[in-house]
Amino acid sequence: ESINGLDLKTGEVWWTYDLKPRYGMSIAAPQFSGNTMFASGIGEISAV
């Protein structure tokens, strides 16, 4: 349902970005270049 950033030591959720691929198929890991994130999945679901 979404991409999330968490604290490594506690699991506290710092941020959430809604991105829902079809069929629950979040598969490919979001990629980062500096402060830019690229995420994509089935069903023309993508965000930079």
ModelCIF file with pLDDT and N, C-alpha, C, O atoms, coordinates in Angstrom:
data_MODEL
#
_entry.id   MODEL 
#
_entity.id                         1 
_entity.type                       polymer 
_entity.pdbx_number_of_molecules   1 
#
_entity_poly.entity_id                      1 
_entity_poly.type                           'polypeptide(L)' 
_entity_poly.nstd_linkage                   no 
_entity_poly.nstd_monomer                   no 
_entity_poly.pdbx_seq_one_letter_code       ESINGLDLKTGEVWWTYDLKPRYGMSIAAPQFSGNTMFASGIGEISAV 
_entity_poly.pdbx_seq_one_letter_code_can   ESINGLDLKTGEVWWTYDLKPRYGMSIAAPQFSGNTMFASGIGEISAV 
_entity_poly.pdbx_strand_id                 A 
#
loop_
_entity_poly_seq.entity_id 
_entity_poly_seq.num 
_entity_poly_seq.mon_id 
_entity_poly_seq.hetero 
1 1  GLU n 
1 2  SER n 
1 3  ILE n 
1 4  ASN n 
1 5  GLY n 
1 6  LEU n 
1 7  ASP n 
1 8  LEU n 
1 9  LYS n 
1 10 THR n 
1 11 GLY n 
1 12 GLU n 
1 13 VAL n 
1 14 TRP n 
1 15 TRP n 
1 16 THR n 
1 17 TYR n 
1 18 ASP n 
1 19 LEU n 
1 20 LYS n 
1 21 PRO n 
1 22 ARG n 
1 23 TYR n 
1 24 GLY n 
1 25 MET n 
1 26 SER n 
1 27 ILE n 
1 28 ALA n 
1 29 ALA n 
1 30 PRO n 
1 31 GLN n 
1 32 PHE n 
1 33 SER n 
1 34 GLY n 
1 35 ASN n 
1 36 THR n 
1 37 MET n 
1 38 PHE n 
1 39 ALA n 
1 40 SER n 
1 41 GLY n 
1 42 ILE n 
1 43 GLY n 
1 44 GLU n 
1 45 ILE n 
1 46 SER n 
1 47 ALA n 
1 48 VAL n 
#
_struct_asym.id          A 
_struct_asym.entity_id   1 
#
loop_
_ma_qa_metric.id 
_ma_qa_metric.mode 
_ma_qa_metric.name 
_ma_qa_metric.software_group_id 
_ma_qa_metric.type 
1 global pLDDT . pLDDT 
2 local  pLDDT . pLDDT 
#
_ma_qa_metric_global.metric_id      1 
_ma_qa_metric_global.metric_value   96.98 
_ma_qa_metric_global.model_id       1 
_ma_qa_metric_global.ordinal_id     1 
#
loop_
_ma_qa_metric_local.label_asym_id 
_ma_qa_metric_local.label_comp_id 
_ma_qa_metric_local.label_seq_id 
_ma_qa_metric_local.metric_id 
_ma_qa_metric_local.metric_value 
_ma_qa_metric_local.model_id 
_ma_qa_metric_local.ordinal_id 
A GLU 1  2 97.00 1 1  
A SER 2  2 98.00 1 2  
A ILE 3  2 98.00 1 3  
A ASN 4  2 98.00 1 4  
A GLY 5  2 98.00 1 5  
A LEU 6  2 98.00 1 6  
A ASP 7  2 98.00 1 7  
A LEU 8  2 98.00 1 8  
A LYS 9  2 98.00 1 9  
A THR 10 2 98.00 1 10 
A GLY 11 2 98.00 1 11 
A GLU 12 2 98.00 1 12 
A VAL 13 2 98.00 1 13 
A TRP 14 2 98.00 1 14 
A TRP 15 2 98.00 1 15 
A THR 16 2 98.00 1 16 
A TYR 17 2 98.00 1 17 
A ASP 18 2 98.00 1 18 
A LEU 19 2 98.00 1 19 
A LYS 20 2 96.00 1 20 
A PRO 21 2 95.00 1 21 
A ARG 22 2 94.00 1 22 
A TYR 23 2 94.00 1 23 
A GLY 24 2 95.00 1 24 
A MET 25 2 96.00 1 25 
A SER 26 2 97.00 1 26 
A ILE 27 2 97.00 1 27 
A ALA 28 2 98.00 1 28 
A ALA 29 2 98.00 1 29 
A PRO 30 2 98.00 1 30 
A GLN 31 2 98.00 1 31 
A PHE 32 2 98.00 1 32 
A SER 33 2 97.00 1 33 
A GLY 34 2 95.00 1 34 
A ASN 35 2 96.00 1 35 
A THR 36 2 98.00 1 36 
A MET 37 2 98.00 1 37 
A PHE 38 2 98.00 1 38 
A ALA 39 2 98.00 1 39 
A SER 40 2 97.00 1 40 
A GLY 41 2 96.00 1 41 
A ILE 42 2 93.00 1 42 
A GLY 43 2 91.00 1 43 
A GLU 44 2 94.00 1 44 
A ILE 45 2 96.00 1 45 
A SER 46 2 97.00 1 46 
A ALA 47 2 98.00 1 47 
A VAL 48 2 98.00 1 48 
#
loop_
_atom_site.group_PDB 
_atom_site.id 
_atom_site.type_symbol 
_atom_site.label_atom_id 
_atom_site.label_alt_id 
_atom_site.label_comp_id 
_atom_site.label_asym_id 
_atom_site.label_entity_id 
_atom_site.label_seq_id 
_atom_site.pdbx_PDB_ins_code 
_atom_site.Cartn_x 
_atom_site.Cartn_y 
_atom_site.Cartn_z 
_atom_site.occupancy 
_atom_site.B_iso_or_equiv 
_atom_site.pdbx_formal_charge 
_atom_site.auth_seq_id 
_atom_site.auth_comp_id 
_atom_site.auth_asym_id 
_atom_site.auth_atom_id 
_atom_site.pdbx_PDB_model_num 
ATOM 1   N N  . GLU A 1 1  ? 0.793  -1.228 0.000   1.00 97.00 ? 1  GLU A N  1 
ATOM 2   C CA . GLU A 1 1  ? 0.000  0.000  0.000   1.00 97.00 ? 1  GLU A CA 1 
ATOM 3   C C  . GLU A 1 1  ? 0.828  1.281  0.000   1.00 97.00 ? 1  GLU A C  1 
ATOM 4   O O  . GLU A 1 1  ? 0.366  2.308  -0.499  1.00 97.00 ? 1  GLU A O  1 
ATOM 5   N N  . SER A 1 2  ? 2.028  1.242  0.544   1.00 98.00 ? 2  SER A N  1 
ATOM 6   C CA . SER A 1 2  ? 2.797  2.480  0.651   1.00 98.00 ? 2  SER A CA 1 
ATOM 7   C C  . SER A 1 2  ? 4.272  2.193  0.894   1.00 98.00 ? 2  SER A C  1 
ATOM 8   O O  . SER A 1 2  ? 4.659  1.101  1.311   1.00 98.00 ? 2  SER A O  1 
ATOM 9   N N  . ILE A 1 3  ? 5.095  3.228  0.614   1.00 98.00 ? 3  ILE A N  1 
ATOM 10  C CA . ILE A 1 3  ? 6.521  3.194  0.929   1.00 98.00 ? 3  ILE A CA 1 
ATOM 11  C C  . ILE A 1 3  ? 6.710  3.940  2.246   1.00 98.00 ? 3  ILE A C  1 
ATOM 12  O O  . ILE A 1 3  ? 6.107  4.990  2.468   1.00 98.00 ? 3  ILE A O  1 
ATOM 13  N N  . ASN A 1 4  ? 7.554  3.387  3.116   1.00 98.00 ? 4  ASN A N  1 
ATOM 14  C CA . ASN A 1 4  ? 7.703  3.942  4.454   1.00 98.00 ? 4  ASN A CA 1 
ATOM 15  C C  . ASN A 1 4  ? 9.173  4.042  4.843   1.00 98.00 ? 4  ASN A C  1 
ATOM 16  O O  . ASN A 1 4  ? 9.987  3.202  4.461   1.00 98.00 ? 4  ASN A O  1 
ATOM 17  N N  . GLY A 1 5  ? 9.503  5.091  5.614   1.00 98.00 ? 5  GLY A N  1 
ATOM 18  C CA . GLY A 1 5  ? 10.820 5.234  6.190   1.00 98.00 ? 5  GLY A CA 1 
ATOM 19  C C  . GLY A 1 5  ? 10.741 5.066  7.695   1.00 98.00 ? 5  GLY A C  1 
ATOM 20  O O  . GLY A 1 5  ? 9.960  5.748  8.357   1.00 98.00 ? 5  GLY A O  1 
ATOM 21  N N  . LEU A 1 6  ? 11.550 4.156  8.245   1.00 98.00 ? 6  LEU A N  1 
ATOM 22  C CA . LEU A 1 6  ? 11.470 3.819  9.662   1.00 98.00 ? 6  LEU A CA 1 
ATOM 23  C C  . LEU A 1 6  ? 12.816 4.008  10.353  1.00 98.00 ? 6  LEU A C  1 
ATOM 24  O O  . LEU A 1 6  ? 13.878 3.944  9.733   1.00 98.00 ? 6  LEU A O  1 
ATOM 25  N N  . ASP A 1 7  ? 12.730 4.240  11.653  1.00 98.00 ? 7  ASP A N  1 
ATOM 26  C CA . ASP A 1 7  ? 13.921 4.249  12.489  1.00 98.00 ? 7  ASP A CA 1 
ATOM 27  C C  . ASP A 1 7  ? 14.450 2.831  12.612  1.00 98.00 ? 7  ASP A C  1 
ATOM 28  O O  . ASP A 1 7  ? 13.697 1.914  12.938  1.00 98.00 ? 7  ASP A O  1 
ATOM 29  N N  . LEU A 1 8  ? 15.733 2.642  12.356  1.00 98.00 ? 8  LEU A N  1 
ATOM 30  C CA . LEU A 1 8  ? 16.324 1.309  12.357  1.00 98.00 ? 8  LEU A CA 1 
ATOM 31  C C  . LEU A 1 8  ? 16.319 0.663  13.737  1.00 98.00 ? 8  LEU A C  1 
ATOM 32  O O  . LEU A 1 8  ? 16.227 -0.560 13.843  1.00 98.00 ? 8  LEU A O  1 
ATOM 33  N N  . LYS A 1 9  ? 16.415 1.454  14.782  1.00 98.00 ? 9  LYS A N  1 
ATOM 34  C CA . LYS A 1 9  ? 16.542 0.895  16.128  1.00 98.00 ? 9  LYS A CA 1 
ATOM 35  C C  . LYS A 1 9  ? 15.205 0.667  16.820  1.00 98.00 ? 9  LYS A C  1 
ATOM 36  O O  . LYS A 1 9  ? 15.084 -0.223 17.662  1.00 98.00 ? 9  LYS A O  1 
ATOM 37  N N  . THR A 1 10 ? 14.201 1.467  16.469  1.00 98.00 ? 10 THR A N  1 
ATOM 38  C CA . THR A 1 10 ? 12.928 1.391  17.194  1.00 98.00 ? 10 THR A CA 1 
ATOM 39  C C  . THR A 1 10 ? 11.734 0.994  16.338  1.00 98.00 ? 10 THR A C  1 
ATOM 40  O O  . THR A 1 10 ? 10.722 0.535  16.870  1.00 98.00 ? 10 THR A O  1 
ATOM 41  N N  . GLY A 1 11 ? 11.834 1.162  15.014  1.00 98.00 ? 11 GLY A N  1 
ATOM 42  C CA . GLY A 1 11 ? 10.704 0.894  14.144  1.00 98.00 ? 11 GLY A CA 1 
ATOM 43  C C  . GLY A 1 11 ? 9.744  2.058  14.035  1.00 98.00 ? 11 GLY A C  1 
ATOM 44  O O  . GLY A 1 11 ? 8.706  1.941  13.384  1.00 98.00 ? 11 GLY A O  1 
ATOM 45  N N  . GLU A 1 12 ? 10.065 3.172  14.654  1.00 98.00 ? 12 GLU A N  1 
ATOM 46  C CA . GLU A 1 12 ? 9.204  4.344  14.539  1.00 98.00 ? 12 GLU A CA 1 
ATOM 47  C C  . GLU A 1 12 ? 9.099  4.757  13.070  1.00 98.00 ? 12 GLU A C  1 
ATOM 48  O O  . GLU A 1 12 ? 10.103 4.829  12.361  1.00 98.00 ? 12 GLU A O  1 
ATOM 49  N N  . VAL A 1 13 ? 7.863  5.029  12.625  1.00 98.00 ? 13 VAL A N  1 
ATOM 50  C CA . VAL A 1 13 ? 7.641  5.419  11.232  1.00 98.00 ? 13 VAL A CA 1 
ATOM 51  C C  . VAL A 1 13 ? 7.859  6.913  11.092  1.00 98.00 ? 13 VAL A C  1 
ATOM 52  O O  . VAL A 1 13 ? 7.159  7.708  11.719  1.00 98.00 ? 13 VAL A O  1 
ATOM 53  N N  . TRP A 1 14 ? 8.829  7.300  10.271  1.00 98.00 ? 14 TRP A N  1 
ATOM 54  C CA . TRP A 1 14 ? 9.152  8.700  10.076  1.00 98.00 ? 14 TRP A CA 1 
ATOM 55  C C  . TRP A 1 14 ? 8.348  9.325  8.939   1.00 98.00 ? 14 TRP A C  1 
ATOM 56  O O  . TRP A 1 14 ? 8.013  10.508 8.997   1.00 98.00 ? 14 TRP A O  1 
ATOM 57  N N  . TRP A 1 15 ? 8.038  8.544  7.909   1.00 98.00 ? 15 TRP A N  1 
ATOM 58  C CA . TRP A 1 15 ? 7.252  9.069  6.803   1.00 98.00 ? 15 TRP A CA 1 
ATOM 59  C C  . TRP A 1 15 ? 6.585  7.933  6.041   1.00 98.00 ? 15 TRP A C  1 
ATOM 60  O O  . TRP A 1 15 ? 7.020  6.783  6.103   1.00 98.00 ? 15 TRP A O  1 
ATOM 61  N N  . THR A 1 16 ? 5.521  8.274  5.325   1.00 98.00 ? 16 THR A N  1 
ATOM 62  C CA . THR A 1 16 ? 4.785  7.329  4.490   1.00 98.00 ? 16 THR A CA 1 
ATOM 63  C C  . THR A 1 16 ? 4.438  8.003  3.164   1.00 98.00 ? 16 THR A C  1 
ATOM 64  O O  . THR A 1 16 ? 3.964  9.139  3.135   1.00 98.00 ? 16 THR A O  1 
ATOM 65  N N  . TYR A 1 17 ? 4.684  7.280  2.067   1.00 98.00 ? 17 TYR A N  1 
ATOM 66  C CA . TYR A 1 17 ? 4.323  7.779  0.738   1.00 98.00 ? 17 TYR A CA 1 
ATOM 67  C C  . TYR A 1 17 ? 3.418  6.733  0.093   1.00 98.00 ? 17 TYR A C  1 
ATOM 68  O O  . TYR A 1 17 ? 3.850  5.608  -0.157  1.00 98.00 ? 17 TYR A O  1 
ATOM 69  N N  . ASP A 1 18 ? 2.173  7.095  -0.175  1.00 98.00 ? 18 ASP A N  1 
ATOM 70  C CA . ASP A 1 18 ? 1.208  6.146  -0.724  1.00 98.00 ? 18 ASP A CA 1 
ATOM 71  C C  . ASP A 1 18 ? 1.552  5.787  -2.166  1.00 98.00 ? 18 ASP A C  1 
ATOM 72  O O  . ASP A 1 18 ? 1.661  6.660  -3.026  1.00 98.00 ? 18 ASP A O  1 
ATOM 73  N N  . LEU A 1 19 ? 1.718  4.499  -2.416  1.00 98.00 ? 19 LEU A N  1 
ATOM 74  C CA . LEU A 1 19 ? 1.977  4.004  -3.768  1.00 98.00 ? 19 LEU A CA 1 
ATOM 75  C C  . LEU A 1 19 ? 1.552  2.543  -3.799  1.00 98.00 ? 19 LEU A C  1 
ATOM 76  O O  . LEU A 1 19 ? 2.186  1.690  -3.179  1.00 98.00 ? 19 LEU A O  1 
ATOM 77  N N  . LYS A 1 20 ? 0.471  2.258  -4.528  1.00 96.00 ? 20 LYS A N  1 
ATOM 78  C CA . LYS A 1 20 ? -0.147 0.935  -4.501  1.00 96.00 ? 20 LYS A CA 1 
ATOM 79  C C  . LYS A 1 20 ? -0.067 0.266  -5.874  1.00 96.00 ? 20 LYS A C  1 
ATOM 80  O O  . LYS A 1 20 ? -0.845 0.599  -6.768  1.00 96.00 ? 20 LYS A O  1 
ATOM 81  N N  . PRO A 1 21 ? 0.854  -0.662 -6.049  1.00 95.00 ? 21 PRO A N  1 
ATOM 82  C CA . PRO A 1 21 ? 0.883  -1.425 -7.308  1.00 95.00 ? 21 PRO A CA 1 
ATOM 83  C C  . PRO A 1 21 ? -0.295 -2.388 -7.379  1.00 95.00 ? 21 PRO A C  1 
ATOM 84  O O  . PRO A 1 21 ? -0.904 -2.709 -6.359  1.00 95.00 ? 21 PRO A O  1 
ATOM 85  N N  . ARG A 1 22 ? -0.605 -2.837 -8.558  1.00 94.00 ? 22 ARG A N  1 
ATOM 86  C CA . ARG A 1 22 ? -1.690 -3.802 -8.719  1.00 94.00 ? 22 ARG A CA 1 
ATOM 87  C C  . ARG A 1 22 ? -1.337 -5.141 -8.079  1.00 94.00 ? 22 ARG A C  1 
ATOM 88  O O  . ARG A 1 22 ? -0.172 -5.533 -8.014  1.00 94.00 ? 22 ARG A O  1 
ATOM 89  N N  . TYR A 1 23 ? -2.377 -5.833 -7.609  1.00 94.00 ? 23 TYR A N  1 
ATOM 90  C CA . TYR A 1 23 ? -2.267 -7.199 -7.098  1.00 94.00 ? 23 TYR A CA 1 
ATOM 91  C C  . TYR A 1 23 ? -1.329 -7.314 -5.896  1.00 94.00 ? 23 TYR A C  1 
ATOM 92  O O  . TYR A 1 23 ? -0.821 -8.398 -5.610  1.00 94.00 ? 23 TYR A O  1 
ATOM 93  N N  . GLY A 1 24 ? -1.095 -6.204 -5.191  1.00 95.00 ? 24 GLY A N  1 
ATOM 94  C CA . GLY A 1 24 ? -0.199 -6.245 -4.040  1.00 95.00 ? 24 GLY A CA 1 
ATOM 95  C C  . GLY A 1 24 ? 1.248  -6.494 -4.406  1.00 95.00 ? 24 GLY A C  1 
ATOM 96  O O  . GLY A 1 24 ? 2.043  -6.883 -3.550  1.00 95.00 ? 24 GLY A O  1 
ATOM 97  N N  . MET A 1 25 ? 1.613  -6.273 -5.684  1.00 96.00 ? 25 MET A N  1 
ATOM 98  C CA . MET A 1 25 ? 2.932  -6.664 -6.182  1.00 96.00 ? 25 MET A CA 1 
ATOM 99  C C  . MET A 1 25 ? 3.959  -5.538 -6.076  1.00 96.00 ? 25 MET A C  1 
ATOM 100 O O  . MET A 1 25 ? 4.497  -5.083 -7.086  1.00 96.00 ? 25 MET A O  1 
ATOM 101 N N  . SER A 1 26 ? 4.226  -5.093 -4.854  1.00 97.00 ? 26 SER A N  1 
ATOM 102 C CA . SER A 1 26 ? 5.415  -4.273 -4.627  1.00 97.00 ? 26 SER A CA 1 
ATOM 103 C C  . SER A 1 26 ? 6.593  -5.247 -4.616  1.00 97.00 ? 26 SER A C  1 
ATOM 104 O O  . SER A 1 26 ? 6.720  -6.063 -3.704  1.00 97.00 ? 26 SER A O  1 
ATOM 105 N N  . ILE A 1 27 ? 7.438  -5.159 -5.614  1.00 97.00 ? 27 ILE A N  1 
ATOM 106 C CA . ILE A 1 27 ? 8.523  -6.134 -5.802  1.00 97.00 ? 27 ILE A CA 1 
ATOM 107 C C  . ILE A 1 27 ? 9.880  -5.447 -5.853  1.00 97.00 ? 27 ILE A C  1 
ATOM 108 O O  . ILE A 1 27 ? 10.743 -5.711 -5.015  1.00 97.00 ? 27 ILE A O  1 
ATOM 109 N N  . ALA A 1 28 ? 10.074 -4.571 -6.828  1.00 98.00 ? 28 ALA A N  1 
ATOM 110 C CA . ALA A 1 28 ? 11.370 -3.922 -7.025  1.00 98.00 ? 28 ALA A CA 1 
ATOM 111 C C  . ALA A 1 28 ? 11.619 -2.914 -5.915  1.00 98.00 ? 28 ALA A C  1 
ATOM 112 O O  . ALA A 1 28 ? 10.728 -2.145 -5.556  1.00 98.00 ? 28 ALA A O  1 
ATOM 113 N N  . ALA A 1 29 ? 12.826 -2.918 -5.374  1.00 98.00 ? 29 ALA A N  1 
ATOM 114 C CA . ALA A 1 29 ? 13.166 -1.990 -4.299  1.00 98.00 ? 29 ALA A CA 1 
ATOM 115 C C  . ALA A 1 29 ? 13.247 -0.559 -4.823  1.00 98.00 ? 29 ALA A C  1 
ATOM 116 O O  . ALA A 1 29 ? 13.843 -0.329 -5.875  1.00 98.00 ? 29 ALA A O  1 
ATOM 117 N N  . PRO A 1 30 ? 12.657 0.415  -4.110  1.00 98.00 ? 30 PRO A N  1 
ATOM 118 C CA . PRO A 1 30 ? 12.842 1.817  -4.496  1.00 98.00 ? 30 PRO A CA 1 
ATOM 119 C C  . PRO A 1 30 ? 14.327 2.157  -4.593  1.00 98.00 ? 30 PRO A C  1 
ATOM 120 O O  . PRO A 1 30 ? 15.128 1.735  -3.758  1.00 98.00 ? 30 PRO A O  1 
ATOM 121 N N  . GLN A 1 31 ? 14.679 2.915  -5.611  1.00 98.00 ? 31 GLN A N  1 
ATOM 122 C CA . GLN A 1 31 ? 16.073 3.297  -5.842  1.00 98.00 ? 31 GLN A CA 1 
ATOM 123 C C  . GLN A 1 31 ? 16.265 4.785  -5.550  1.00 98.00 ? 31 GLN A C  1 
ATOM 124 O O  . GLN A 1 31 ? 15.370 5.599  -5.778  1.00 98.00 ? 31 GLN A O  1 
ATOM 125 N N  . PHE A 1 32 ? 17.450 5.119  -5.041  1.00 98.00 ? 32 PHE A N  1 
ATOM 126 C CA . PHE A 1 32 ? 17.719 6.491  -4.632  1.00 98.00 ? 32 PHE A CA 1 
ATOM 127 C C  . PHE A 1 32 ? 18.979 7.011  -5.325  1.00 98.00 ? 32 PHE A C  1 
ATOM 128 O O  . PHE A 1 32 ? 19.956 6.287  -5.518  1.00 98.00 ? 32 PHE A O  1 
ATOM 129 N N  . SER A 1 33 ? 18.917 8.286  -5.687  1.00 97.00 ? 33 SER A N  1 
ATOM 130 C CA . SER A 1 33 ? 20.087 9.010  -6.173  1.00 97.00 ? 33 SER A CA 1 
ATOM 131 C C  . SER A 1 33 ? 20.100 10.336 -5.424  1.00 97.00 ? 33 SER A C  1 
ATOM 132 O O  . SER A 1 33 ? 19.336 11.246 -5.747  1.00 97.00 ? 33 SER A O  1 
ATOM 133 N N  . GLY A 1 34 ? 20.970 10.443 -4.422  1.00 95.00 ? 34 GLY A N  1 
ATOM 134 C CA . GLY A 1 34 ? 20.938 11.616 -3.566  1.00 95.00 ? 34 GLY A CA 1 
ATOM 135 C C  . GLY A 1 34 ? 19.621 11.681 -2.817  1.00 95.00 ? 34 GLY A C  1 
ATOM 136 O O  . GLY A 1 34 ? 19.265 10.746 -2.101  1.00 95.00 ? 34 GLY A O  1 
ATOM 137 N N  . ASN A 1 35 ? 18.895 12.779 -2.976  1.00 96.00 ? 35 ASN A N  1 
ATOM 138 C CA . ASN A 1 35 ? 17.603 12.929 -2.295  1.00 96.00 ? 35 ASN A CA 1 
ATOM 139 C C  . ASN A 1 35 ? 16.423 12.628 -3.212  1.00 96.00 ? 35 ASN A C  1 
ATOM 140 O O  . ASN A 1 35 ? 15.294 13.026 -2.925  1.00 96.00 ? 35 ASN A O  1 
ATOM 141 N N  . THR A 1 36 ? 16.685 11.919 -4.326  1.00 98.00 ? 36 THR A N  1 
ATOM 142 C CA . THR A 1 36 ? 15.631 11.568 -5.284  1.00 98.00 ? 36 THR A CA 1 
ATOM 143 C C  . THR A 1 36 ? 15.334 10.076 -5.215  1.00 98.00 ? 36 THR A C  1 
ATOM 144 O O  . THR A 1 36 ? 16.252 9.257  -5.261  1.00 98.00 ? 36 THR A O  1 
ATOM 145 N N  . MET A 1 37 ? 14.057 9.718  -5.105  1.00 98.00 ? 37 MET A N  1 
ATOM 146 C CA . MET A 1 37 ? 13.632 8.317  -5.054  1.00 98.00 ? 37 MET A CA 1 
ATOM 147 C C  . MET A 1 37 ? 12.850 7.962  -6.309  1.00 98.00 ? 37 MET A C  1 
ATOM 148 O O  . MET A 1 37 ? 11.978 8.714  -6.744  1.00 98.00 ? 37 MET A O  1 
ATOM 149 N N  . PHE A 1 38 ? 13.171 6.812  -6.887  1.00 98.00 ? 38 PHE A N  1 
ATOM 150 C CA . PHE A 1 38 ? 12.415 6.239  -7.998  1.00 98.00 ? 38 PHE A CA 1 
ATOM 151 C C  . PHE A 1 38 ? 11.822 4.914  -7.544  1.00 98.00 ? 38 PHE A C  1 
ATOM 152 O O  . PHE A 1 38 ? 12.544 4.038  -7.069  1.00 98.00 ? 38 PHE A O  1 
ATOM 153 N N  . ALA A 1 39 ? 10.511 4.765  -7.689  1.00 98.00 ? 39 ALA A N  1 
ATOM 154 C CA . ALA A 1 39 ? 9.841  3.509  -7.341  1.00 98.00 ? 39 ALA A CA 1 
ATOM 155 C C  . ALA A 1 39 ? 8.838  3.175  -8.432  1.00 98.00 ? 39 ALA A C  1 
ATOM 156 O O  . ALA A 1 39 ? 8.163  4.060  -8.958  1.00 98.00 ? 39 ALA A O  1 
ATOM 157 N N  . SER A 1 40 ? 8.741  1.882  -8.772  1.00 97.00 ? 40 SER A N  1 
ATOM 158 C CA . SER A 1 40 ? 7.802  1.512  -9.829  1.00 97.00 ? 40 SER A CA 1 
ATOM 159 C C  . SER A 1 40 ? 7.360  0.073  -9.676  1.00 97.00 ? 40 SER A C  1 
ATOM 160 O O  . SER A 1 40 ? 8.057  -0.759 -9.095  1.00 97.00 ? 40 SER A O  1 
ATOM 161 N N  . GLY A 1 41 ? 6.166  -0.203 -10.222 1.00 96.00 ? 41 GLY A N  1 
ATOM 162 C CA . GLY A 1 41 ? 5.620  -1.548 -10.161 1.00 96.00 ? 41 GLY A CA 1 
ATOM 163 C C  . GLY A 1 41 ? 4.573  -1.769 -11.228 1.00 96.00 ? 41 GLY A C  1 
ATOM 164 O O  . GLY A 1 41 ? 4.319  -0.900 -12.062 1.00 96.00 ? 41 GLY A O  1 
ATOM 165 N N  . ILE A 1 42 ? 3.974  -2.935 -11.193 1.00 93.00 ? 42 ILE A N  1 
ATOM 166 C CA . ILE A 1 42 ? 3.009  -3.347 -12.205 1.00 93.00 ? 42 ILE A CA 1 
ATOM 167 C C  . ILE A 1 42 ? 1.800  -2.407 -12.228 1.00 93.00 ? 42 ILE A C  1 
ATOM 168 O O  . ILE A 1 42 ? 1.370  -1.891 -11.196 1.00 93.00 ? 42 ILE A O  1 
ATOM 169 N N  . GLY A 1 43 ? 1.266  -2.200 -13.436 1.00 91.00 ? 43 GLY A N  1 
ATOM 170 C CA . GLY A 1 43 ? 0.076  -1.374 -13.597 1.00 91.00 ? 43 GLY A CA 1 
ATOM 171 C C  . GLY A 1 43 ? 0.394  0.084  -13.831 1.00 91.00 ? 43 GLY A C  1 
ATOM 172 O O  . GLY A 1 43 ? -0.412 0.954  -13.499 1.00 91.00 ? 43 GLY A O  1 
ATOM 173 N N  . GLU A 1 44 ? 1.574  0.373  -14.408 1.00 94.00 ? 44 GLU A N  1 
ATOM 174 C CA . GLU A 1 44 ? 2.011  1.749  -14.644 1.00 94.00 ? 44 GLU A CA 1 
ATOM 175 C C  . GLU A 1 44 ? 1.956  2.563  -13.356 1.00 94.00 ? 44 GLU A C  1 
ATOM 176 O O  . GLU A 1 44 ? 1.550  3.725  -13.340 1.00 94.00 ? 44 GLU A O  1 
ATOM 177 N N  . ILE A 1 45 ? 2.383  1.906  -12.274 1.00 96.00 ? 45 ILE A N  1 
ATOM 178 C CA . ILE A 1 45 ? 2.482  2.557  -10.969 1.00 96.00 ? 45 ILE A CA 1 
ATOM 179 C C  . ILE A 1 45 ? 3.924  2.986  -10.762 1.00 96.00 ? 45 ILE A C  1 
ATOM 180 O O  . ILE A 1 45 ? 4.828  2.152  -10.721 1.00 96.00 ? 45 ILE A O  1 
ATOM 181 N N  . SER A 1 46 ? 4.135  4.280  -10.633 1.00 97.00 ? 46 SER A N  1 
ATOM 182 C CA . SER A 1 46 ? 5.493  4.770  -10.488 1.00 97.00 ? 46 SER A CA 1 
ATOM 183 C C  . SER A 1 46 ? 5.472  6.158  -9.875  1.00 97.00 ? 46 SER A C  1 
ATOM 184 O O  . SER A 1 46 ? 4.475  6.874  -9.961  1.00 97.00 ? 46 SER A O  1 
ATOM 185 N N  . ALA A 1 47 ? 6.586  6.530  -9.253  1.00 98.00 ? 47 ALA A N  1 
ATOM 186 C CA . ALA A 1 47 ? 6.732  7.887  -8.732  1.00 98.00 ? 47 ALA A CA 1 
ATOM 187 C C  . ALA A 1 47 ? 8.210  8.223  -8.612  1.00 98.00 ? 47 ALA A C  1 
ATOM 188 O O  . ALA A 1 47 ? 9.020  7.384  -8.218  1.00 98.00 ? 47 ALA A O  1 
ATOM 189 N N  . VAL A 1 48 ? 8.551  9.450  -8.954  1.00 98.00 ? 48 VAL A N  1 
ATOM 190 C CA . VAL A 1 48 ? 9.867  10.001 -8.671  1.00 98.00 ? 48 VAL A CA 1 
ATOM 191 C C  . VAL A 1 48 ? 9.653  11.146 -7.694  1.00 98.00 ? 48 VAL A C  1 
ATOM 192 O O  . VAL A 1 48 ? 10.615 11.795 -7.283  1.00 98.00 ? 48 VAL A O  1 
#
